[in-house]
Amino acid sequence: MRIDWRGASDVGRVRQINEDSFVGLPDRGLWVVADGMGGHAGGDWASTRLTATIAAADAAGSFDEAVERCAGAIHAANATIWQEAQARGAQMGSTVVALLIRDGRFAVLWAGDSRAYLVRDGRLLRLTRDHSQVQALIDRGLLTEEDGAGHPMGHVLARAVGVEPTLTLDVVADTLLPDDLFVLTSDGVHGVVPDGEIARTVMQATVTAAPAALVERGLANGSNDNLTAVAVGLSETTLLMVGAQA
């Protein structure tokens, strides 16, 4: 009975500070990727504070209770980061994508443009939808997905943790299947590695090798951002284990 997982993060070849942060707590069925913004250590502080707040949240209870507590922790971090930004007189914030696994189900909570993918039955499914200006243009039919890739407004977010006093989170939830594989990425990875290439990379690697392979792929493709990837792979016995522990 095992959950295989691994995370990898790299400052990249342009930035001086890695403002990405990730955490994995397999005993609690929780994984988080956060991509901070703000510069001068502001983004680093925001993403680290965010992941630490989520990790410290109460893990007890049912699946629905765990989702509610995770969301509550993100909202609490939003208030803390917002207040710190006001005190510093500078805008700072962070994206967030959190994966929760419990009782044979999964949930993904997110704000911003960090992504969650699911590899199931040999296909890569994107579970999240970017909260970005480019995605808004795509949704309105003013840009195609192809035109949106590499768009100069690609890093302009429509939503993030800590940039407003209140936050709206999106959540998706579904039933787990044996051999599901989840991949969480910051935009330093998926901004330069197309979904098809992400699919090939993770399917050709083990769960524990996939994150580093994605980061290397992003660097090879010329990413000018911090890069982070987390992979979480399940087995049929894992589903029984998680359900029994909850």
Foldseek 3Di string as FASTA:
>chain_A
DDKDKAKDWDQADADPDQLKDWDDDVVLQKIKIKHKDWPPCLSNVLNVLLRVQLVPFDSDDAPVVNVVRSVVSLLVSLQVLQVVCVVVVTAMFMWMWMWGDFQQKIKIKIWAAWWKWKQDPLDIHTPDQHQFPLSVCVVVVNDPPVRSQPDPRVRHGNATRHRDNGHDMDMDMDGDDFFMKMKIKDCLQCSQQPPVNLSVQPVVDDNHCSNVSSNVVSNVSPRNGMIMMMMITGHPVVSVVRHVSD
